[in-house]
Amino acid sequence: MAFPTAVSANTGLAYTANRGNRTVSVIDTVKGATTANVQVATSGWASPSDVAVSPDGTRAYAANPDSRSVSVIDTATNTVTATVALAVAGTTLAVSPDGKKVYVTGQGTGSVTVIDTATNTVSTKILVVGYENMALTPNGSRLYVSQWSERSIAVIDTTTNKLIATVPTNGGCQGLAAHPDGTRVYVAGNEARSVFVINTATNAITHSIGVGTPPTCVAVNPNGSGVYVGCEDGPVSLIDSVGNKVVATVPLFDVTALAVSPNGTFVYAPDFSTHTLSVIDTTSNTVTGTVAVGANPCSVTFGPGVPLTTATPTVVKGTPLKVRYSTMPGNVSGKNWVGLYPDDGGATVGTKNSFHWAYAPNAAGSVTLDTGSVPAPGRYTVWYLYNDSYTAIAGPLTITVT
């Protein structure tokens, strides 16, 4: 029997760094509720300042500038399993796409510290002046770092750990985010009240998009369609990544962190004063609710995401079945596909044809499957498969046809 082999683990979790009670909150994104609070610091007013998750979802990392350390959290047990000592008070984190490195920096550190995740030790330091925030390209080959004091963006080759370019911004910058296709990096040009778009092939700014008030953070939808921008005086702006213009706003103010869910359907925005996450629906661009987290959340990130979901697990035979999919950047292929199969644990995947299938070429999106193709009412499964093969990214998602 040809049973599918998993490409990667995935979880439907999000994480916040909470300064007020020195914890990292774990949020079940399906239920919209906090399920755990992990203590990562015992003292200090700025810790934790940031949280990041490994690509396979098995580890979360929290920056603790007060103790000059990074906490390593086992996401299966929600316990701190290691603490990595730093020589500087790092405040911002980025995890490489292969999960082998964690980059740490912060304002005034004068360097990027690189942590080897296999040993949880510092492997090197990259000396560049004036660090603030970071973004990695999806393939992990370049690290972009905002240099507030230098009024520029530093570009680092992550293979050599060398500075290879400097992009002038003529003003202080804060948050950065890379487009999922790797061609662009978006920069919150705080002093210019604009978002800069950097072409990663030329390392030159191609667009400057005004957002009205000083931007602090940016987050790109995994499907690449839009860029959400948080601003000091609000609102949150949505930039069309093709037209390079603001197309919608959301009335949230003093937003300093944003994260888009892996399936692209909602955005989390921490509210420092109310100890909650605001939930933005990306279809309507309205706030649809809040999630209670730890005290004074200042950063938020998602795990790899629930890779295969449907809002209609029970459908009448012949009714189209809409299935949402998502995966990590390293698993994206134009020939990834989703197939409808018998409920047999995967025994027929690779040995018999699916009842219906469709390509799923993006990092996140949806496909529609024809339930009229199944022979009779009953239980069936949906599999998300890799690159025209029978290697599973996710599955089985069980549905019932009536």
Protein backbone atom coordinates (compact mmCIF):
# COMPACT_ATOMS: atom_id res chain seq x y z
CA MET A 1 0.00 0.00 0.00
CA ALA A 2 1.26 3.51 -0.82
CA PHE A 3 0.64 5.49 2.35
CA PRO A 4 1.47 9.21 2.07
CA THR A 5 4.61 10.47 3.78
CA ALA A 6 4.38 13.78 5.64
CA VAL A 7 6.47 16.68 4.35
CA SER A 8 6.21 18.70 7.54
CA ALA A 9 4.34 19.06 10.81
CA ASN A 10 1.74 21.82 11.10
CA THR A 11 -0.16 23.34 14.00
CA GLY A 12 -3.06 25.75 14.28
CA LEU A 13 -1.43 27.90 16.94
CA ALA A 14 -0.37 31.50 17.44
CA TYR A 15 1.94 32.97 20.08
CA THR A 16 2.20 36.37 21.77
CA ALA A 17 5.03 37.90 23.79
CA ASN A 18 3.51 39.51 26.91
CA ARG A 19 5.65 42.07 28.73
CA GLY A 20 3.21 42.61 31.58
CA ASN A 21 3.48 39.13 33.08
CA ARG A 22 6.66 37.94 31.32
CA THR A 23 4.92 35.12 29.47
CA VAL A 24 4.31 33.75 26.01
CA SER A 25 0.63 33.02 25.37
CA VAL A 26 -0.35 30.04 23.21
CA ILE A 27 -3.53 30.63 21.19
CA ASP A 28 -5.67 27.95 19.56
CA THR A 29 -6.58 29.81 16.36
CA VAL A 30 -9.49 27.51 15.55
CA LYS A 31 -11.16 28.12 18.91
CA GLY A 32 -9.89 31.69 19.19
CA ALA A 33 -8.77 31.14 22.78
CA THR A 34 -5.57 31.11 24.82
CA THR A 35 -4.71 27.59 25.93
CA ALA A 36 -1.48 28.19 27.86
CA ASN A 37 0.82 30.90 29.22
CA VAL A 38 4.48 29.96 29.35
CA GLN A 39 6.69 31.83 31.84
CA VAL A 40 9.91 32.89 30.10
CA ALA A 41 11.29 35.60 32.39
CA THR A 42 11.23 36.27 36.13
CA SER A 43 12.17 39.94 36.13
CA GLY A 44 12.49 43.02 33.93
CA TRP A 45 10.06 45.41 32.25
CA ALA A 46 10.82 44.60 28.59
CA SER A 47 10.81 40.81 28.54
CA PRO A 48 9.71 39.06 26.47
CA SER A 49 9.88 41.55 23.61
CA ASP A 50 9.38 39.20 20.65
CA VAL A 51 8.42 35.62 19.81
CA ALA A 52 9.13 33.48 16.73
CA VAL A 53 8.30 29.89 15.78
CA SER A 54 10.36 27.25 13.97
CA PRO A 55 9.07 26.27 10.50
CA ASP A 56 8.01 22.82 11.71
CA GLY A 57 6.15 24.30 14.67
CA THR A 58 8.04 22.28 17.28
CA ARG A 59 9.88 25.20 18.92
CA ALA A 60 9.05 28.78 19.87
CA TYR A 61 11.71 31.34 20.74
CA ALA A 62 11.26 34.34 23.06
CA ALA A 63 13.65 37.30 23.27
CA ASN A 64 14.39 38.49 26.83
CA PRO A 65 16.39 41.73 26.60
CA ASP A 66 16.44 42.29 30.38
CA SER A 67 18.34 39.06 30.99
CA ARG A 68 20.16 39.12 27.63
CA SER A 69 18.83 35.73 26.65
CA VAL A 70 16.51 33.79 24.36
CA SER A 71 14.14 31.19 25.80
CA VAL A 72 13.51 28.01 23.81
CA ILE A 73 9.98 26.62 24.23
CA ASP A 74 8.97 23.05 23.39
CA THR A 75 5.56 23.62 21.77
CA ALA A 76 4.41 20.06 22.49
CA THR A 77 4.72 20.54 26.26
CA ASN A 78 4.69 24.38 26.46
CA THR A 79 7.77 24.36 28.66
CA VAL A 80 11.08 26.20 28.43
CA THR A 81 13.69 23.58 27.59
CA ALA A 82 16.74 25.79 27.08
CA THR A 83 17.97 29.35 27.61
CA VAL A 84 20.54 30.83 25.25
CA ALA A 85 22.77 33.52 26.81
CA LEU A 86 23.53 36.58 24.68
CA ALA A 87 26.18 39.25 24.97
CA VAL A 88 23.64 41.95 24.04
CA ALA A 89 20.05 42.83 24.90
CA GLY A 90 18.39 41.45 21.75
CA THR A 91 14.74 42.40 21.24
CA THR A 92 13.82 41.08 17.78
CA LEU A 93 13.90 37.54 16.36
CA ALA A 94 13.84 35.81 12.97
CA VAL A 95 14.03 32.06 12.32
CA SER A 96 15.59 30.74 9.12
CA PRO A 97 13.25 28.82 6.76
CA ASP A 98 15.16 25.58 7.41
CA GLY A 99 14.88 26.08 11.18
CA LYS A 100 18.63 25.80 11.72
CA LYS A 101 19.29 29.40 12.79
CA VAL A 102 17.68 32.08 14.93
CA TYR A 103 18.74 35.67 14.32
CA VAL A 104 18.55 38.14 17.22
CA THR A 105 19.01 41.89 17.15
CA GLY A 106 17.69 45.09 18.67
CA GLN A 107 18.13 48.83 18.91
CA GLY A 108 21.60 49.68 20.20
CA THR A 109 22.99 46.14 19.95
CA GLY A 110 25.29 46.94 17.02
CA SER A 111 25.11 43.37 15.79
CA VAL A 112 22.97 40.43 14.76
CA THR A 113 23.55 37.37 16.92
CA VAL A 114 23.13 34.00 15.19
CA ILE A 115 21.96 31.03 17.29
CA ASP A 116 22.57 27.44 16.15
CA THR A 117 19.26 25.71 16.95
CA ALA A 118 20.81 22.23 17.01
CA THR A 119 22.97 23.14 20.00
CA ASN A 120 21.14 26.24 21.30
CA THR A 121 24.41 28.15 21.34
CA VAL A 122 25.61 31.36 19.69
CA SER A 123 27.47 30.47 16.50
CA THR A 124 28.47 33.94 15.30
CA LYS A 125 27.81 37.69 15.45
CA ILE A 126 27.37 39.93 12.44
CA LEU A 127 28.55 43.47 13.10
CA VAL A 128 26.40 46.17 11.51
CA VAL A 129 25.50 49.53 13.04
CA GLY A 130 22.07 50.60 14.23
CA TYR A 131 19.79 47.60 14.34
CA GLU A 132 16.05 47.73 14.94
CA ASN A 133 14.01 45.02 13.12
CA MET A 134 14.60 42.21 10.63
CA ALA A 135 13.06 40.20 7.77
CA LEU A 136 14.36 37.11 5.99
CA THR A 137 13.62 36.35 2.36
CA PRO A 138 11.53 33.16 1.97
CA ASN A 139 14.55 31.12 0.84
CA GLY A 140 16.61 32.41 3.77
CA SER A 141 19.46 33.69 1.61
CA ARG A 142 19.16 37.35 2.60
CA LEU A 143 18.49 39.10 5.89
CA TYR A 144 17.19 42.69 5.73
CA VAL A 145 17.76 44.79 8.85
CA SER A 146 16.50 48.30 9.55
CA GLN A 147 19.21 50.72 10.72
CA TRP A 148 17.41 53.59 12.40
CA SER A 149 20.50 55.61 13.25
CA GLU A 150 21.97 55.09 9.78
CA ARG A 151 18.67 55.83 7.99
CA SER A 152 19.07 52.77 5.82
CA ILE A 153 18.41 49.05 5.45
CA ALA A 154 21.31 46.62 5.74
CA VAL A 155 21.30 43.55 3.49
CA ILE A 156 23.19 40.51 4.81
CA ASP A 157 24.17 37.38 2.90
CA THR A 158 23.23 34.61 5.35
CA THR A 159 25.66 32.13 3.79
CA THR A 160 28.72 34.31 4.42
CA ASN A 161 27.21 36.44 7.23
CA LYS A 162 28.52 39.50 5.42
CA LEU A 163 26.95 42.88 4.67
CA ILE A 164 26.47 42.98 0.87
CA ALA A 165 24.37 46.12 0.36
CA THR A 166 22.91 49.15 2.08
CA VAL A 167 19.60 50.66 0.95
CA PRO A 168 19.25 54.37 1.86
CA THR A 169 15.84 55.34 3.24
CA ASN A 170 16.47 58.98 4.22
CA GLY A 171 14.71 58.40 7.53
CA GLY A 172 14.34 56.00 10.44
CA CYS A 173 12.59 52.71 9.74
CA GLN A 174 11.03 50.03 11.92
CA GLY A 175 9.24 46.80 10.92
CA LEU A 176 9.98 44.81 7.75
CA ALA A 177 8.32 41.91 5.95
CA ALA A 178 9.20 39.94 2.80
CA HIS A 179 6.73 39.12 0.05
CA PRO A 180 6.22 35.32 -0.22
CA ASP A 181 7.61 35.27 -3.77
CA GLY A 182 10.89 36.76 -2.50
CA THR A 183 10.96 39.63 -4.97
CA ARG A 184 10.14 42.44 -2.52
CA VAL A 185 10.68 43.55 1.06
CA TYR A 186 8.28 46.04 2.64
CA VAL A 187 9.67 48.51 5.17
CA ALA A 188 7.81 50.69 7.67
CA GLY A 189 9.39 54.08 6.97
CA ASN A 190 8.42 55.61 10.30
CA GLU A 191 9.81 59.11 9.82
CA ALA A 192 8.66 59.32 6.19
CA ARG A 193 5.14 58.13 7.09
CA SER A 194 5.44 55.73 4.18
CA VAL A 195 6.00 52.09 3.37
CA PHE A 196 9.04 51.51 1.16
CA VAL A 197 9.15 48.64 -1.34
CA ILE A 198 12.64 47.20 -1.90
CA ASN A 199 13.35 45.16 -5.05
CA THR A 200 15.44 42.24 -3.75
CA ALA A 201 17.18 41.76 -7.12
CA THR A 202 18.57 45.30 -7.19
CA ASN A 203 18.29 46.28 -3.51
CA ALA A 204 16.75 49.57 -4.55
CA ILE A 205 13.51 51.20 -3.41
CA THR A 206 10.93 51.03 -6.21
CA HIS A 207 7.90 52.53 -4.46
CA SER A 208 7.13 54.77 -1.50
CA ILE A 209 3.50 54.39 -0.35
CA GLY A 210 2.14 57.03 1.99
CA VAL A 211 0.04 55.78 4.92
CA GLY A 212 -0.70 59.09 6.68
CA THR A 213 0.84 58.46 10.09
CA PRO A 214 4.18 56.92 11.17
CA PRO A 215 4.11 53.17 10.37
CA THR A 216 5.61 50.76 12.89
CA CYS A 217 5.04 47.27 11.46
CA VAL A 218 4.11 45.41 8.29
CA ALA A 219 2.75 41.92 7.59
CA VAL A 220 2.18 40.31 4.19
CA ASN A 221 -0.71 37.96 3.44
CA PRO A 222 0.81 34.50 2.67
CA ASN A 223 -1.01 34.51 -0.67
CA GLY A 224 0.93 37.68 -1.55
CA SER A 225 -2.16 39.78 -2.31
CA GLY A 226 -1.90 42.47 0.33
CA VAL A 227 0.29 44.12 2.95
CA TYR A 228 -1.11 45.18 6.33
CA VAL A 229 0.53 48.20 7.97
CA GLY A 230 0.23 49.21 11.63
CA CYS A 231 0.72 52.88 12.49
CA GLU A 232 1.40 54.89 15.64
CA ASP A 233 -1.73 57.02 15.23
CA GLY A 234 -3.72 54.50 13.20
CA PRO A 235 -5.46 53.23 11.28
CA VAL A 236 -4.20 49.87 10.04
CA SER A 237 -3.81 50.21 6.27
CA LEU A 238 -4.08 47.52 3.60
CA ILE A 239 -1.77 47.99 0.60
CA ASP A 240 -2.51 46.24 -2.69
CA SER A 241 0.79 44.53 -3.49
CA VAL A 242 0.18 44.81 -7.25
CA GLY A 243 -1.05 48.39 -7.44
CA ASN A 244 1.18 49.59 -4.58
CA LYS A 245 -1.53 51.75 -3.05
CA VAL A 246 -3.70 51.77 0.07
CA VAL A 247 -7.03 50.12 -0.74
CA ALA A 248 -8.62 49.79 2.72
CA THR A 249 -8.19 50.88 6.32
CA VAL A 250 -9.17 49.34 9.65
CA PRO A 251 -9.83 51.64 12.65
CA LEU A 252 -7.17 50.29 15.01
CA PHE A 253 -4.70 52.67 16.60
CA ASP A 254 -1.21 52.49 18.12
CA VAL A 255 -0.59 49.09 16.50
CA THR A 256 3.04 47.99 16.87
CA ALA A 257 2.78 44.37 15.70
CA LEU A 258 0.73 42.42 13.14
CA ALA A 259 0.59 38.84 11.87
CA VAL A 260 -1.52 37.31 9.08
CA SER A 261 -2.82 33.77 9.60
CA PRO A 262 -1.22 31.08 7.40
CA ASN A 263 -4.45 30.63 5.43
CA GLY A 264 -4.74 34.38 4.93
CA THR A 265 -8.23 34.73 6.39
CA PHE A 266 -7.50 36.92 9.41
CA VAL A 267 -4.93 39.20 11.03
CA TYR A 268 -3.97 39.38 14.71
CA ALA A 269 -3.07 42.80 16.16
CA PRO A 270 -1.94 42.96 19.82
CA ASP A 271 -3.54 45.60 22.04
CA PHE A 272 -1.01 46.44 24.74
CA SER A 273 -3.48 48.16 27.07
CA THR A 274 -6.43 45.76 26.92
CA HIS A 275 -4.32 42.56 27.00
CA THR A 276 -6.04 41.20 23.90
CA LEU A 277 -5.55 40.46 20.22
CA SER A 278 -7.86 42.22 17.80
CA VAL A 279 -9.00 39.94 14.98
CA ILE A 280 -9.24 41.51 11.51
CA ASP A 281 -11.25 39.61 8.88
CA THR A 282 -9.30 39.92 5.62
CA THR A 283 -12.42 39.58 3.48
CA SER A 284 -14.26 42.54 5.00
CA ASN A 285 -11.24 44.28 6.60
CA THR A 286 -13.22 44.78 9.78
CA VAL A 287 -12.49 43.83 13.39
CA THR A 288 -14.66 40.82 14.14
CA GLY A 289 -13.58 40.02 17.70
CA THR A 290 -10.82 39.82 20.29
CA VAL A 291 -8.80 37.08 21.97
CA ALA A 292 -7.67 37.45 25.59
CA VAL A 293 -3.94 36.81 26.05
CA GLY A 294 -1.30 37.64 28.68
CA ALA A 295 -0.67 41.10 30.09
CA ASN A 296 0.59 43.78 27.68
CA PRO A 297 1.15 41.77 24.46
CA CYS A 298 3.75 43.40 22.21
CA SER A 299 4.43 40.78 19.54
CA VAL A 300 2.49 38.04 17.77
CA THR A 301 3.34 35.23 15.37
CA PHE A 302 1.71 32.14 13.94
CA GLY A 303 2.83 28.55 13.85
CA PRO A 304 2.87 26.92 10.40
CA GLY A 305 -0.93 26.75 10.44
CA VAL A 306 -3.71 24.25 9.98
CA PRO A 307 -2.82 23.17 6.44
CA LEU A 308 -6.15 21.73 5.33
CA THR A 309 -9.55 22.96 6.51
CA THR A 310 -13.13 23.32 5.35
CA ALA A 311 -16.05 25.31 6.71
CA THR A 312 -18.48 22.60 5.48
CA PRO A 313 -17.31 19.16 6.71
CA THR A 314 -20.78 17.79 5.86
CA VAL A 315 -22.15 18.42 2.37
CA VAL A 316 -24.97 17.14 0.19
CA LYS A 317 -23.74 14.95 -2.69
CA GLY A 318 -23.16 17.13 -5.74
CA THR A 319 -22.54 20.28 -3.68
CA PRO A 320 -19.12 21.85 -4.35
CA LEU A 321 -16.70 21.34 -1.43
CA LYS A 322 -14.43 24.34 -0.76
CA VAL A 323 -11.18 23.41 0.98
CA ARG A 324 -8.57 25.89 2.20
CA TYR A 325 -4.90 24.91 2.15
CA SER A 326 -1.65 26.44 3.41
CA THR A 327 1.97 25.38 3.69
CA MET A 328 5.41 26.73 4.51
CA PRO A 329 7.41 28.60 1.83
CA GLY A 330 9.76 25.65 1.30
CA ASN A 331 6.85 23.38 0.34
CA VAL A 332 5.27 25.66 -2.27
CA SER A 333 5.05 24.20 -5.78
CA GLY A 334 2.91 25.04 -8.79
CA LYS A 335 2.04 21.35 -8.94
CA ASN A 336 0.95 20.82 -5.35
CA TRP A 337 -2.55 19.39 -5.44
CA VAL A 338 -5.59 18.46 -3.33
CA GLY A 339 -7.48 15.21 -3.92
CA LEU A 340 -10.71 13.60 -2.71
CA TYR A 341 -10.31 9.95 -1.67
CA PRO A 342 -12.08 7.12 0.19
CA ASP A 343 -11.90 7.16 3.98
CA ASP A 344 -9.33 4.37 4.20
CA GLY A 345 -6.43 5.99 6.04
CA GLY A 346 -4.58 6.74 2.82
CA ALA A 347 -4.39 3.15 1.60
CA THR A 348 -5.56 4.05 -1.91
CA VAL A 349 -3.57 7.28 -2.23
CA GLY A 350 -1.04 6.48 -4.93
CA THR A 351 -2.66 3.18 -5.93
CA LYS A 352 -6.01 4.39 -7.27
CA ASN A 353 -7.19 7.62 -8.84
CA SER A 354 -8.85 10.24 -6.66
CA PHE A 355 -12.54 10.95 -7.21
CA HIS A 356 -11.65 14.58 -7.97
CA TRP A 357 -8.56 16.75 -7.60
CA ALA A 358 -7.31 20.31 -8.17
CA TYR A 359 -3.94 22.04 -8.19
CA ALA A 360 -3.04 24.13 -5.11
CA PRO A 361 -0.10 26.22 -6.38
CA ASN A 362 0.24 28.96 -3.75
CA ALA A 363 1.49 29.22 -0.17
CA ALA A 364 -2.17 29.52 0.85
CA GLY A 365 -5.46 29.48 -0.96
CA SER A 366 -8.55 27.39 -1.64
CA VAL A 367 -9.71 24.74 -4.11
CA THR A 368 -13.19 23.47 -4.95
CA LEU A 369 -13.80 19.73 -5.25
CA ASP A 370 -16.78 18.05 -6.93
CA THR A 371 -18.61 15.83 -4.41
CA GLY A 372 -20.83 14.58 -7.22
CA SER A 373 -17.86 12.46 -8.28
CA VAL A 374 -18.08 10.15 -5.23
CA PRO A 375 -20.02 6.89 -5.76
CA ALA A 376 -22.43 7.22 -2.82
CA PRO A 377 -23.10 9.13 0.40
CA GLY A 378 -20.63 8.36 3.20
CA ARG A 379 -17.32 9.40 4.75
CA TYR A 380 -14.45 10.52 2.53
CA THR A 381 -11.03 12.14 3.02
CA VAL A 382 -9.16 15.02 1.43
CA TRP A 383 -5.37 14.94 1.03
CA TYR A 384 -2.97 17.82 0.27
CA LEU A 385 -0.10 16.40 -1.81
CA TYR A 386 3.27 17.64 -2.99
CA ASN A 387 4.50 18.47 -6.51
CA ASP A 388 2.51 15.98 -8.63
CA SER A 389 3.51 13.21 -6.23
CA TYR A 390 1.83 11.28 -3.42
CA THR A 391 3.95 12.81 -0.69
CA ALA A 392 1.49 14.38 1.74
CA ILE A 393 1.76 17.93 2.98
CA ALA A 394 -1.41 17.34 5.01
CA GLY A 395 -4.29 14.95 5.46
CA PRO A 396 -6.54 13.27 5.96
CA LEU A 397 -9.28 15.89 6.31
CA THR A 398 -12.43 13.85 6.86
CA ILE A 399 -15.73 14.95 5.32
CA THR A 400 -19.21 13.46 5.19
CA VAL A 401 -21.28 13.40 2.01
CA THR A 402 -25.03 13.01 2.56
